[in-house]
Amino acid sequence: MQYEILSQDTFPMLRVSLDQGEHICCERGAMITMSQGLKLEGGVKGGLAGGLIRSFLTHESFFTSSITAASSSGSVCLGSGDHGSILALGVTPEKGLVAQKGSYLASTPDVELGTKMQGLFQGLTSRQGFFLIHLTGSGTAFLSAAGAAHRFDLEPGETMVVDNGHLLAWDEDLEYTMQKAAGLLSSVTSGEGLVCKFTGPGTLYIHTTKYSVARKKKGKTGCLGSIFDFAI
């Protein structure tokens, strides 16, 4: 399996080349084009319970699609239809990823798509809500980012403060806490409310368009979203 990301940072498209017998999993409705000889099937990744939890709590579809090079090799083009970029992130048994809800686009077959609950304070105060996407297993996951995406590698003990509306994904064992960006008056005048403070070692990914802005443009709101939505 080989892939290429086209039109990055505009309206990107993921093109995947499959040898006969290979397949890729993707979000329902993500297929743009596919070669003759490829087979598109719908299913529920993670089982019935997993599909219900994922759909209700993380903006992802209940159903997912599987595209297989059944009778011959070929290529498939996938996209989310959003302005932004696509990230290809490695997932290993030793290093899973946590991702913003609504960001999943596709993954190789051995990547498991699940959910992870944040702590009570993080869930109440972050724009991501209580439940996030949890990617485990082994392979490559493709995420849709709003705007441009950037990677930050934190050394042991190194900290980074991130506006939680700009978070895209991070290592599952990367430690973080929620805190106020500044005092009440400074938060109002600076436009920054609650932020996430990450402490290394680990890797995190941000996107340049705020999560709340992207959700509003798509007309989506979370079932268990943020209570304190500062600095939209």
Protein backbone atom coordinates (compact mmCIF):
# COMPACT_ATOMS: atom_id res chain seq x y z
CA MET A 1 0.00 0.00 0.00
CA GLN A 2 1.26 3.46 -0.94
CA TYR A 3 -0.33 6.85 -0.40
CA GLU A 4 0.02 10.46 -1.50
CA ILE A 5 -1.61 13.59 -0.10
CA LEU A 6 -2.65 16.06 -2.80
CA SER A 7 -3.56 19.77 -2.53
CA GLN A 8 -2.32 20.00 1.05
CA ASP A 9 -3.47 23.10 3.03
CA THR A 10 -6.33 23.83 0.60
CA PHE A 11 -8.98 21.14 0.07
CA PRO A 12 -6.72 18.10 0.42
CA MET A 13 -7.25 14.63 -0.99
CA LEU A 14 -5.65 11.34 0.04
CA ARG A 15 -4.81 9.00 -2.83
CA VAL A 16 -4.11 5.40 -1.80
CA SER A 17 -2.69 2.78 -4.17
CA LEU A 18 -3.71 -0.78 -3.28
CA ASP A 19 -2.23 -4.04 -4.50
CA GLN A 20 -4.64 -6.89 -5.06
CA GLY A 21 -5.97 -8.15 -1.72
CA GLU A 22 -5.12 -4.98 0.23
CA HIS A 23 -7.76 -2.71 1.74
CA ILE A 24 -8.12 0.54 3.64
CA CYS A 25 -10.75 1.67 6.15
CA CYS A 26 -12.24 5.15 5.98
CA GLU A 27 -14.95 7.42 7.31
CA ARG A 28 -18.37 6.92 5.75
CA GLY A 29 -18.77 9.17 2.68
CA ALA A 30 -15.02 9.89 2.37
CA MET A 31 -14.59 8.14 -1.00
CA ILE A 32 -14.17 10.56 -3.93
CA THR A 33 -13.03 8.24 -6.73
CA MET A 34 -11.87 4.64 -7.03
CA SER A 35 -10.53 2.42 -9.77
CA GLN A 36 -12.52 -0.30 -11.46
CA GLY A 37 -11.87 -3.56 -9.63
CA LEU A 38 -11.97 -2.01 -6.17
CA LYS A 39 -14.84 -3.00 -3.89
CA LEU A 40 -16.54 -0.63 -1.45
CA GLU A 41 -18.29 -2.14 1.58
CA GLY A 42 -19.92 -0.60 4.63
CA GLY A 43 -19.54 -1.87 8.17
CA VAL A 44 -19.21 -0.89 11.81
CA LYS A 45 -15.57 -0.62 12.91
CA GLY A 46 -15.22 -1.68 16.53
CA GLY A 47 -18.54 -3.54 16.61
CA LEU A 48 -22.07 -2.36 17.34
CA ALA A 49 -21.32 -0.91 20.78
CA GLY A 50 -18.18 0.80 19.53
CA GLY A 51 -20.06 2.32 16.59
CA LEU A 52 -22.83 3.68 18.82
CA ILE A 53 -20.39 5.22 21.29
CA ARG A 54 -18.25 6.69 18.51
CA SER A 55 -21.24 8.18 16.66
CA PHE A 56 -22.94 9.66 19.72
CA LEU A 57 -19.90 11.02 21.52
CA THR A 58 -17.21 11.90 18.96
CA HIS A 59 -18.96 13.19 15.78
CA GLU A 60 -17.76 10.15 13.82
CA SER A 61 -20.14 8.11 11.69
CA PHE A 62 -21.74 4.98 13.09
CA PHE A 63 -20.81 3.20 9.87
CA THR A 64 -17.36 3.10 8.32
CA SER A 65 -16.28 2.01 4.85
CA SER A 66 -13.76 -0.57 3.71
CA ILE A 67 -12.28 -0.37 0.21
CA THR A 68 -10.61 -3.54 -1.08
CA ALA A 69 -8.60 -4.27 -4.21
CA ALA A 70 -10.65 -7.40 -4.80
CA SER A 71 -10.02 -8.39 -8.40
CA SER A 72 -7.05 -6.19 -9.32
CA SER A 73 -4.80 -3.45 -7.99
CA GLY A 74 -6.03 0.13 -8.14
CA SER A 75 -6.27 3.46 -6.36
CA VAL A 76 -8.86 5.28 -4.28
CA CYS A 77 -9.09 9.00 -3.50
CA LEU A 78 -10.47 10.06 -0.12
CA GLY A 79 -11.30 13.45 1.36
CA SER A 80 -13.35 15.18 4.04
CA GLY A 81 -14.41 18.17 1.93
CA ASP A 82 -12.97 20.59 4.48
CA HIS A 83 -10.46 23.37 3.94
CA GLY A 84 -7.29 22.32 5.72
CA SER A 85 -4.78 19.48 5.60
CA ILE A 86 -4.42 15.74 6.07
CA LEU A 87 -1.90 14.16 8.46
CA ALA A 88 -0.55 10.62 8.19
CA LEU A 89 0.36 9.48 11.72
CA GLY A 90 1.97 6.24 12.76
CA VAL A 91 0.26 4.07 15.38
CA THR A 92 2.09 1.26 17.19
CA PRO A 93 1.13 -1.15 20.00
CA GLU A 94 3.50 0.83 22.24
CA LYS A 95 2.25 4.26 21.18
CA GLY A 96 -1.41 4.96 20.56
CA LEU A 97 -2.84 8.37 19.73
CA VAL A 98 -5.63 10.52 21.09
CA ALA A 99 -7.32 12.76 18.52
CA GLN A 100 -9.93 15.48 18.41
CA LYS A 101 -13.43 14.20 17.70
CA GLY A 102 -14.46 14.58 14.06
CA SER A 103 -10.87 14.36 12.78
CA TYR A 104 -10.74 10.71 11.65
CA LEU A 105 -10.53 10.23 7.88
CA ALA A 106 -9.00 6.80 7.23
CA SER A 107 -6.62 4.15 8.53
CA THR A 108 -4.83 0.99 7.55
CA PRO A 109 -6.63 -2.24 8.53
CA ASP A 110 -4.83 -2.98 11.81
CA VAL A 111 -5.52 0.40 13.39
CA GLU A 112 -8.36 0.19 15.92
CA LEU A 113 -10.77 3.12 16.17
CA GLY A 114 -12.19 3.69 19.65
CA THR A 115 -12.98 6.38 22.20
CA LYS A 116 -11.21 7.65 25.30
CA MET A 117 -12.75 9.59 28.16
CA GLN A 118 -10.98 12.63 29.56
CA GLY A 119 -10.93 13.43 33.25
CA LEU A 120 -13.90 15.28 34.74
CA PHE A 121 -12.26 18.72 34.75
CA GLN A 122 -10.79 18.31 31.24
CA GLY A 123 -14.15 17.15 29.89
CA LEU A 124 -16.09 20.02 31.45
CA THR A 125 -13.69 22.74 30.38
CA SER A 126 -12.20 21.66 27.05
CA ARG A 127 -13.85 22.29 23.69
CA GLN A 128 -13.35 18.62 22.84
CA GLY A 129 -15.84 17.47 25.50
CA PHE A 130 -15.54 14.32 27.61
CA PHE A 131 -14.83 11.84 24.82
CA LEU A 132 -12.04 11.81 22.26
CA ILE A 133 -10.95 9.46 19.47
CA HIS A 134 -8.51 6.77 20.59
CA LEU A 135 -6.34 5.12 17.92
CA THR A 136 -4.52 1.92 18.85
CA GLY A 137 -3.05 -1.12 17.13
CA SER A 138 -0.46 -0.96 14.38
CA GLY A 139 -0.39 1.03 11.12
CA THR A 140 -1.13 4.49 9.82
CA ALA A 141 -4.05 6.78 10.68
CA PHE A 142 -5.05 9.70 8.49
CA LEU A 143 -6.57 12.72 10.24
CA SER A 144 -8.25 15.82 8.81
CA ALA A 145 -6.98 19.09 10.26
CA ALA A 146 -8.70 22.48 10.11
CA GLY A 147 -6.22 24.85 8.48
CA ALA A 148 -2.52 23.98 8.49
CA ALA A 149 -1.18 21.34 10.90
CA HIS A 150 2.08 21.43 12.85
CA ARG A 151 3.99 18.91 14.96
CA PHE A 152 5.76 19.60 18.26
CA ASP A 153 8.13 17.12 19.92
CA LEU A 154 8.52 17.75 23.65
CA GLU A 155 11.62 16.67 25.56
CA PRO A 156 11.32 15.14 29.05
CA GLY A 157 10.13 17.87 31.41
CA GLU A 158 9.55 20.37 28.60
CA THR A 159 6.15 22.07 28.74
CA MET A 160 3.97 23.72 26.12
CA VAL A 161 0.73 25.65 26.58
CA VAL A 162 -1.84 25.23 23.79
CA ASP A 163 -5.22 26.86 23.31
CA ASN A 164 -7.44 23.80 23.53
CA GLY A 165 -9.40 24.88 20.43
CA HIS A 166 -6.25 24.28 18.35
CA LEU A 167 -5.50 20.73 19.52
CA LEU A 168 -5.59 18.00 16.90
CA ALA A 169 -3.84 14.91 18.32
CA TRP A 170 -1.22 13.79 20.83
CA ASP A 171 0.50 10.70 22.19
CA GLU A 172 -1.85 8.78 24.48
CA ASP A 173 0.64 8.91 27.38
CA LEU A 174 1.52 12.60 27.00
CA GLU A 175 0.57 14.31 30.26
CA TYR A 176 -1.56 17.46 30.24
CA THR A 177 -3.63 19.62 32.56
CA MET A 178 -6.22 22.33 32.03
CA GLN A 179 -5.59 25.82 33.39
CA LYS A 180 -6.53 29.46 32.89
CA ALA A 181 -4.35 31.31 30.41
CA ALA A 182 -4.21 34.31 32.77
CA GLY A 183 -6.29 36.11 35.37
CA LEU A 184 -9.95 36.91 34.69
CA LEU A 185 -9.32 40.42 33.34
CA SER A 186 -6.38 39.31 31.21
CA SER A 187 -8.39 36.38 29.84
CA VAL A 188 -11.16 38.75 28.73
CA THR A 189 -8.84 41.35 27.21
CA SER A 190 -6.43 38.88 25.57
CA GLY A 191 -9.12 36.61 24.12
CA GLU A 192 -7.59 33.52 25.77
CA GLY A 193 -9.58 31.52 28.30
CA LEU A 194 -8.70 27.95 29.28
CA VAL A 195 -5.60 26.28 27.84
CA CYS A 196 -3.94 22.88 27.97
CA LYS A 197 -0.48 22.55 29.50
CA PHE A 198 1.42 19.55 28.10
CA THR A 199 4.51 18.10 29.72
CA GLY A 200 6.99 15.95 27.78
CA PRO A 201 8.23 13.60 26.70
CA GLY A 202 5.87 13.14 23.78
CA THR A 203 4.49 14.54 20.55
CA LEU A 204 1.46 16.70 19.91
CA TYR A 205 -0.15 18.09 16.78
CA ILE A 206 -2.05 21.35 16.43
CA HIS A 207 -4.10 22.93 13.66
CA THR A 208 -4.32 26.63 12.90
CA THR A 209 -8.12 27.00 12.71
CA LYS A 210 -9.92 26.79 16.05
CA TYR A 211 -11.99 23.69 16.69
CA SER A 212 -15.10 25.72 17.62
CA VAL A 213 -14.93 27.74 14.39
CA ALA A 214 -14.57 24.60 12.26
CA ARG A 215 -17.51 22.92 14.05
CA LYS A 216 -19.75 25.96 13.54
CA LYS A 217 -18.96 26.04 9.82
CA LYS A 218 -19.97 22.37 9.58
CA GLY A 219 -23.06 22.97 11.73
CA LYS A 220 -22.03 20.44 14.39
CA THR A 221 -22.10 20.66 18.15
CA GLY A 222 -21.08 17.95 20.57
CA CYS A 223 -23.54 15.93 22.64
CA LEU A 224 -21.28 16.45 25.65
CA GLY A 225 -19.34 19.50 24.54
CA SER A 226 -17.70 22.34 26.37
CA ILE A 227 -19.50 24.18 29.14
CA PHE A 228 -16.98 27.00 29.30
CA ASP A 229 -16.41 28.05 25.66
CA PHE A 230 -14.00 30.97 25.95
CA ALA A 231 -12.43 33.00 23.16
CA ILE A 232 -14.37 31.69 20.17
